[in-house]
Each structure stands twice: as C-alpha cells, then as structure tokens.
Amino acid sequence: MILNKEEIIERINKQSLIENISKESIQPAGVDLRLDKIYRIKKSGELYISGRKPPEVKEEVSKIYKINPNEYCLCSTVEIINMPRDLVGIILPRSTLFRIGLSLRTALIDPGYKGRLILGLKNETSHEIKLERFSRICQVIFIKTKITEGYSGQYQGGII
C-alpha cells in the first residue's frame, strides 16, 4: 500500500521520515524532493562480482547548474531520508524533467536507508539545460512492506 499525505506527515512527525523538507513538497501520494549538489564524473567507476569502485567526482555547489548536451552527472537531494524497516521508497522523475530533456536515473530506497539520495541526471538533448539549486526534480513514494532487516550497504548515508 502506498502511503497517503496524512500517513506521510505522521511518519515525518513521529519517525523523522524526511529531514529538511519543504511542507509544500508533500503531495497526495508522495513527496517532491529538491536538487542540492551536482557531481561531475571525472573518472569512471568499476563494477565486478567481487566488489565495486565508485567513480571519481567533482562536487559543485551553485545557484544555477548547467548540464551539457549528452552529459551524465550525479546529484544529491536537499532532503535526508530516514527509512524505517517497514517502508520502501520508489523515486520517480517530475514530469518537467522529461519535458525539458533530462532523464533521471534512480534506484529503490531500501528499508533502513538513512541519508541524502544520490541520483543520476542525463541530458538527452543537443542543448544545454539549466537547473536551479533547490528546484524540485523528483518525487518519492513510500510503500509499506513487512518489517525486514535494514539496509547496511556501502552507500548508507548518501555516499557517492
């Protein structure tokens, strides 16, 4: 079952489900999340059966970000998620993103995850796209699940 607005507000107040939230961001069945920082990929990462090596990135903090044609970068959210063990989160792009030519790359938010979200952005156009810091870029929906073991992976805390 997807949490509705009232259930989300209750979880925010009682469990600190989301920190740094803008009250206007709470929607009928999810929460809009805002862009904080952009991370430009300087050297690619590696993925093997035995492990992984994250890419080398350069962190940028700006009022206006420019995403070049066909560029792929990572970004973080302003909001911090504190996922209880009975919820999973699914991240969806806001429709404005695909209307301007940006693809959002996401993953499941596991029960027990705590931290900022790290997302991928890809400019699918042949034109530069500008994004203002703190603009709403995605929506997270929360789905109830059976209480489970919490996430304890390498990216806990929003690490790149």
C-alpha atoms as a PDB file:
ATOM      1  CA  MET A   1       0.000   0.000   0.000  1.00  0.00           C
ATOM      2  CA  ILE A   2       1.293   3.470  -0.920  1.00  0.00           C
ATOM      3  CA  LEU A   3       1.264   5.986   1.941  1.00  0.00           C
ATOM      4  CA  ASN A   4      -1.072   8.949   1.512  1.00  0.00           C
ATOM      5  CA  LYS A   5      -0.374  12.544   2.531  1.00  0.00           C
ATOM      6  CA  GLU A   6      -1.712  12.134   6.064  1.00  0.00           C
ATOM      7  CA  GLU A   7       0.355   8.987   6.676  1.00  0.00           C
ATOM      8  CA  ILE A   8       3.480  10.671   5.279  1.00  0.00           C
ATOM      9  CA  ILE A   9       3.006  13.686   7.586  1.00  0.00           C
ATOM     10  CA  GLU A  10       2.502  11.362  10.556  1.00  0.00           C
ATOM     11  CA  ARG A  11       5.720   9.462   9.717  1.00  0.00           C
ATOM     12  CA  ILE A  12       7.629  12.737   9.287  1.00  0.00           C
ATOM     13  CA  ASN A  13       6.454  13.972  12.683  1.00  0.00           C
ATOM     14  CA  LYS A  14       6.854  10.703  14.623  1.00  0.00           C
ATOM     15  CA  GLN A  15       9.794   8.997  12.873  1.00  0.00           C
ATOM     16  CA  SER A  16      11.663  11.835  11.118  1.00  0.00           C
ATOM     17  CA  LEU A  17      10.984  10.046   7.826  1.00  0.00           C
ATOM     18  CA  ILE A  18      12.286  13.074   5.907  1.00  0.00           C
ATOM     19  CA  GLU A  19      14.527  15.884   7.179  1.00  0.00           C
ATOM     20  CA  ASN A  20      14.992  19.315   5.541  1.00  0.00           C
ATOM     21  CA  ILE A  21      11.571  19.002   3.969  1.00  0.00           C
ATOM     22  CA  SER A  22       9.563  21.835   2.487  1.00  0.00           C
ATOM     23  CA  LYS A  23       5.942  21.405   3.628  1.00  0.00           C
ATOM     24  CA  GLU A  24       4.740  22.442   0.131  1.00  0.00           C
ATOM     25  CA  SER A  25       6.537  19.377  -1.247  1.00  0.00           C
ATOM     26  CA  ILE A  26       4.155  16.903   0.375  1.00  0.00           C
ATOM     27  CA  GLN A  27       1.787  15.646  -2.324  1.00  0.00           C
ATOM     28  CA  PRO A  28      -1.333  13.422  -2.073  1.00  0.00           C
ATOM     29  CA  ALA A  29       0.700  10.209  -2.513  1.00  0.00           C
ATOM     30  CA  GLY A  30       4.362  11.212  -2.250  1.00  0.00           C
ATOM     31  CA  VAL A  31       6.909  13.916  -1.572  1.00  0.00           C
ATOM     32  CA  ASP A  32       8.734  16.112  -4.072  1.00  0.00           C
ATOM     33  CA  LEU A  33      12.497  16.245  -3.467  1.00  0.00           C
ATOM     34  CA  ARG A  34      14.820  19.130  -4.320  1.00  0.00           C
ATOM     35  CA  LEU A  35      18.173  19.326  -6.064  1.00  0.00           C
ATOM     36  CA  ASP A  36      21.104  20.194  -3.822  1.00  0.00           C
ATOM     37  CA  LYS A  37      24.533  19.489  -5.364  1.00  0.00           C
ATOM     38  CA  ILE A  38      25.791  18.255  -8.706  1.00  0.00           C
ATOM     39  CA  TYR A  39      28.719  15.846  -9.002  1.00  0.00           C
ATOM     40  CA  ARG A  40      30.609  15.802 -12.311  1.00  0.00           C
ATOM     41  CA  ILE A  41      32.179  12.447 -13.116  1.00  0.00           C
ATOM     42  CA  LYS A  42      35.946  12.814 -13.576  1.00  0.00           C
ATOM     43  CA  LYS A  43      36.921   9.150 -13.811  1.00  0.00           C
ATOM     44  CA  SER A  44      34.603   6.206 -14.340  1.00  0.00           C
ATOM     45  CA  GLY A  45      33.895   3.626 -11.683  1.00  0.00           C
ATOM     46  CA  GLU A  46      34.122  -0.139 -11.852  1.00  0.00           C
ATOM     47  CA  LEU A  47      31.729  -2.961 -11.051  1.00  0.00           C
ATOM     48  CA  TYR A  48      32.811  -6.571 -10.510  1.00  0.00           C
ATOM     49  CA  ILE A  49      31.236  -9.613  -8.911  1.00  0.00           C
ATOM     50  CA  SER A  50      33.757  -9.271  -6.085  1.00  0.00           C
ATOM     51  CA  GLY A  51      33.174  -5.560  -5.498  1.00  0.00           C
ATOM     52  CA  ARG A  52      32.857  -2.092  -6.910  1.00  0.00           C
ATOM     53  CA  LYS A  53      34.752   1.133  -7.150  1.00  0.00           C
ATOM     54  CA  PRO A  54      32.679   4.344  -7.280  1.00  0.00           C
ATOM     55  CA  PRO A  55      33.607   6.964  -9.891  1.00  0.00           C
ATOM     56  CA  GLU A  56      35.804   9.916  -9.049  1.00  0.00           C
ATOM     57  CA  VAL A  57      33.646  13.028  -8.939  1.00  0.00           C
ATOM     58  CA  LYS A  58      33.984  16.778  -8.583  1.00  0.00           C
ATOM     59  CA  GLU A  59      31.365  18.338  -6.312  1.00  0.00           C
ATOM     60  CA  GLU A  60      29.743  21.555  -7.472  1.00  0.00           C
ATOM     61  CA  VAL A  61      27.607  23.942  -5.470  1.00  0.00           C
ATOM     62  CA  SER A  62      25.986  26.687  -7.497  1.00  0.00           C
ATOM     63  CA  LYS A  63      22.804  28.729  -7.761  1.00  0.00           C
ATOM     64  CA  ILE A  64      22.345  27.583 -11.373  1.00  0.00           C
ATOM     65  CA  TYR A  65      23.724  24.293 -12.713  1.00  0.00           C
ATOM     66  CA  LYS A  66      24.338  23.760 -16.416  1.00  0.00           C
ATOM     67  CA  ILE A  67      24.082  20.240 -17.784  1.00  0.00           C
ATOM     68  CA  ASN A  68      25.780  19.968 -21.173  1.00  0.00           C
ATOM     69  CA  PRO A  69      24.304  18.097 -24.151  1.00  0.00           C
ATOM     70  CA  ASN A  70      24.513  14.315 -23.632  1.00  0.00           C
ATOM     71  CA  GLU A  71      26.222  14.829 -20.255  1.00  0.00           C
ATOM     72  CA  TYR A  72      25.652  12.406 -17.393  1.00  0.00           C
ATOM     73  CA  CYS A  73      26.227  13.534 -13.814  1.00  0.00           C
ATOM     74  CA  LEU A  74      25.193  12.631 -10.304  1.00  0.00           C
ATOM     75  CA  CYS A  75      23.219  14.834  -7.951  1.00  0.00           C
ATOM     76  CA  SER A  76      22.113  14.825  -4.336  1.00  0.00           C
ATOM     77  CA  THR A  77      18.852  15.828  -2.714  1.00  0.00           C
ATOM     78  CA  VAL A  78      18.385  18.551  -0.118  1.00  0.00           C
ATOM     79  CA  GLU A  79      16.224  16.165   1.878  1.00  0.00           C
ATOM     80  CA  ILE A  80      17.575  13.404   4.093  1.00  0.00           C
ATOM     81  CA  ILE A  81      15.609  10.154   4.135  1.00  0.00           C
ATOM     82  CA  ASN A  82      15.365   8.040   7.313  1.00  0.00           C
ATOM     83  CA  MET A  83      13.667   4.916   6.025  1.00  0.00           C
ATOM     84  CA  PRO A  84      12.035   2.734   8.674  1.00  0.00           C
ATOM     85  CA  ARG A  85      12.243  -1.024   8.257  1.00  0.00           C
ATOM     86  CA  ASP A  86       8.578  -1.303   7.193  1.00  0.00           C
ATOM     87  CA  LEU A  87       8.798   1.013   4.152  1.00  0.00           C
ATOM     88  CA  VAL A  88      10.490   1.054   0.754  1.00  0.00           C
ATOM     89  CA  GLY A  89      10.738   4.126  -1.428  1.00  0.00           C
ATOM     90  CA  ILE A  90      10.431   4.472  -5.180  1.00  0.00           C
ATOM     91  CA  ILE A  91      11.808   7.607  -6.846  1.00  0.00           C
ATOM     92  CA  LEU A  92      10.075   8.978  -9.920  1.00  0.00           C
ATOM     93  CA  PRO A  93      11.024  11.981 -12.067  1.00  0.00           C
ATOM     94  CA  ARG A  94       8.821  15.055 -12.061  1.00  0.00           C
ATOM     95  CA  SER A  95       7.282  15.467 -15.499  1.00  0.00           C
ATOM     96  CA  THR A  96       9.120  18.765 -16.060  1.00  0.00           C
ATOM     97  CA  LEU A  97      12.392  16.833 -16.253  1.00  0.00           C
ATOM     98  CA  PHE A  98      11.458  14.743 -19.251  1.00  0.00           C
ATOM     99  CA  ARG A  99       9.672  17.701 -20.837  1.00  0.00           C
ATOM    100  CA  ILE A 100      12.993  19.600 -20.906  1.00  0.00           C
ATOM    101  CA  GLY A 101      15.015  16.563 -21.991  1.00  0.00           C
ATOM    102  CA  LEU A 102      16.517  15.314 -18.724  1.00  0.00           C
ATOM    103  CA  SER A 103      16.405  11.667 -17.719  1.00  0.00           C
ATOM    104  CA  LEU A 104      16.536  10.811 -14.038  1.00  0.00           C
ATOM    105  CA  ARG A 105      18.298   7.576 -13.042  1.00  0.00           C
ATOM    106  CA  THR A 106      17.186   6.160  -9.709  1.00  0.00           C
ATOM    107  CA  ALA A 107      17.210   3.080  -7.503  1.00  0.00           C
ATOM    108  CA  LEU A 108      14.998   1.631  -4.808  1.00  0.00           C
ATOM    109  CA  ILE A 109      15.299   3.145  -1.334  1.00  0.00           C
ATOM    110  CA  ASP A 110      15.707   0.104   0.897  1.00  0.00           C
ATOM    111  CA  PRO A 111      14.231  -0.228   4.387  1.00  0.00           C
ATOM    112  CA  GLY A 112      16.765   1.094   6.891  1.00  0.00           C
ATOM    113  CA  TYR A 113      18.491   3.506   4.478  1.00  0.00           C
ATOM    114  CA  LYS A 114      19.464   6.832   6.029  1.00  0.00           C
ATOM    115  CA  GLY A 115      20.927   9.786   4.170  1.00  0.00           C
ATOM    116  CA  ARG A 116      20.604  12.040   1.169  1.00  0.00           C
ATOM    117  CA  LEU A 117      19.664  10.403  -2.094  1.00  0.00           C
ATOM    118  CA  ILE A 118      22.182  10.235  -4.911  1.00  0.00           C
ATOM    119  CA  LEU A 119      20.555  10.255  -8.347  1.00  0.00           C
ATOM    120  CA  GLY A 120      21.755  10.269 -11.941  1.00  0.00           C
ATOM    121  CA  LEU A 121      20.867  13.015 -14.429  1.00  0.00           C
ATOM    122  CA  LYS A 122      21.345  12.657 -18.180  1.00  0.00           C
ATOM    123  CA  ASN A 123      20.815  15.493 -20.658  1.00  0.00           C
ATOM    124  CA  GLU A 124      19.250  13.660 -23.599  1.00  0.00           C
ATOM    125  CA  THR A 125      19.224  16.738 -25.848  1.00  0.00           C
ATOM    126  CA  SER A 126      21.719  18.595 -28.009  1.00  0.00           C
ATOM    127  CA  HIS A 127      21.153  21.757 -25.936  1.00  0.00           C
ATOM    128  CA  GLU A 128      22.461  22.913 -22.566  1.00  0.00           C
ATOM    129  CA  ILE A 129      19.899  22.557 -19.763  1.00  0.00           C
ATOM    130  CA  LYS A 130      19.905  24.801 -16.691  1.00  0.00           C
ATOM    131  CA  LEU A 131      18.721  23.699 -13.269  1.00  0.00           C
ATOM    132  CA  GLU A 132      18.346  25.995 -10.295  1.00  0.00           C
ATOM    133  CA  ARG A 133      19.588  24.666  -6.980  1.00  0.00           C
ATOM    134  CA  PHE A 134      16.693  23.729  -4.666  1.00  0.00           C
ATOM    135  CA  SER A 135      14.287  23.135  -7.572  1.00  0.00           C
ATOM    136  CA  ARG A 136      12.032  20.077  -7.286  1.00  0.00           C
ATOM    137  CA  ILE A 137      13.354  17.292  -9.513  1.00  0.00           C
ATOM    138  CA  CYS A 138      11.689  14.079  -8.366  1.00  0.00           C
ATOM    139  CA  GLN A 139       9.004  12.553  -6.197  1.00  0.00           C
ATOM    140  CA  VAL A 140       9.395   9.701  -3.759  1.00  0.00           C
ATOM    141  CA  ILE A 141       6.512   7.385  -2.976  1.00  0.00           C
ATOM    142  CA  PHE A 142       6.527   5.167   0.105  1.00  0.00           C
ATOM    143  CA  ILE A 143       5.217   1.623   0.058  1.00  0.00           C
ATOM    144  CA  LYS A 144       4.517  -0.453   3.157  1.00  0.00           C
ATOM    145  CA  THR A 145       6.330  -3.768   3.398  1.00  0.00           C
ATOM    146  CA  LYS A 146       6.800  -6.390   6.097  1.00  0.00           C
ATOM    147  CA  ILE A 147       9.370  -5.353   8.663  1.00  0.00           C
ATOM    148  CA  THR A 148      12.713  -6.555   7.421  1.00  0.00           C
ATOM    149  CA  GLU A 149      16.414  -6.314   8.058  1.00  0.00           C
ATOM    150  CA  GLY A 150      17.614  -2.773   7.396  1.00  0.00           C
ATOM    151  CA  TYR A 151      19.993  -1.632   4.655  1.00  0.00           C
ATOM    152  CA  SER A 152      23.663  -1.705   5.623  1.00  0.00           C
ATOM    153  CA  GLY A 153      25.374  -1.349   2.264  1.00  0.00           C
ATOM    154  CA  GLN A 154      28.313   0.747   1.139  1.00  0.00           C
ATOM    155  CA  TYR A 155      26.159   3.746   0.123  1.00  0.00           C
ATOM    156  CA  GLN A 156      24.462   4.233   3.509  1.00  0.00           C
ATOM    157  CA  GLY A 157      24.348   7.938   4.246  1.00  0.00           C
ATOM    158  CA  GLY A 158      24.296   9.136   0.626  1.00  0.00           C
ATOM    159  CA  ILE A 159      27.932   8.448  -0.176  1.00  0.00           C
ATOM    160  CA  ILE A 160      28.945   8.786  -3.820  1.00  0.00           C
END
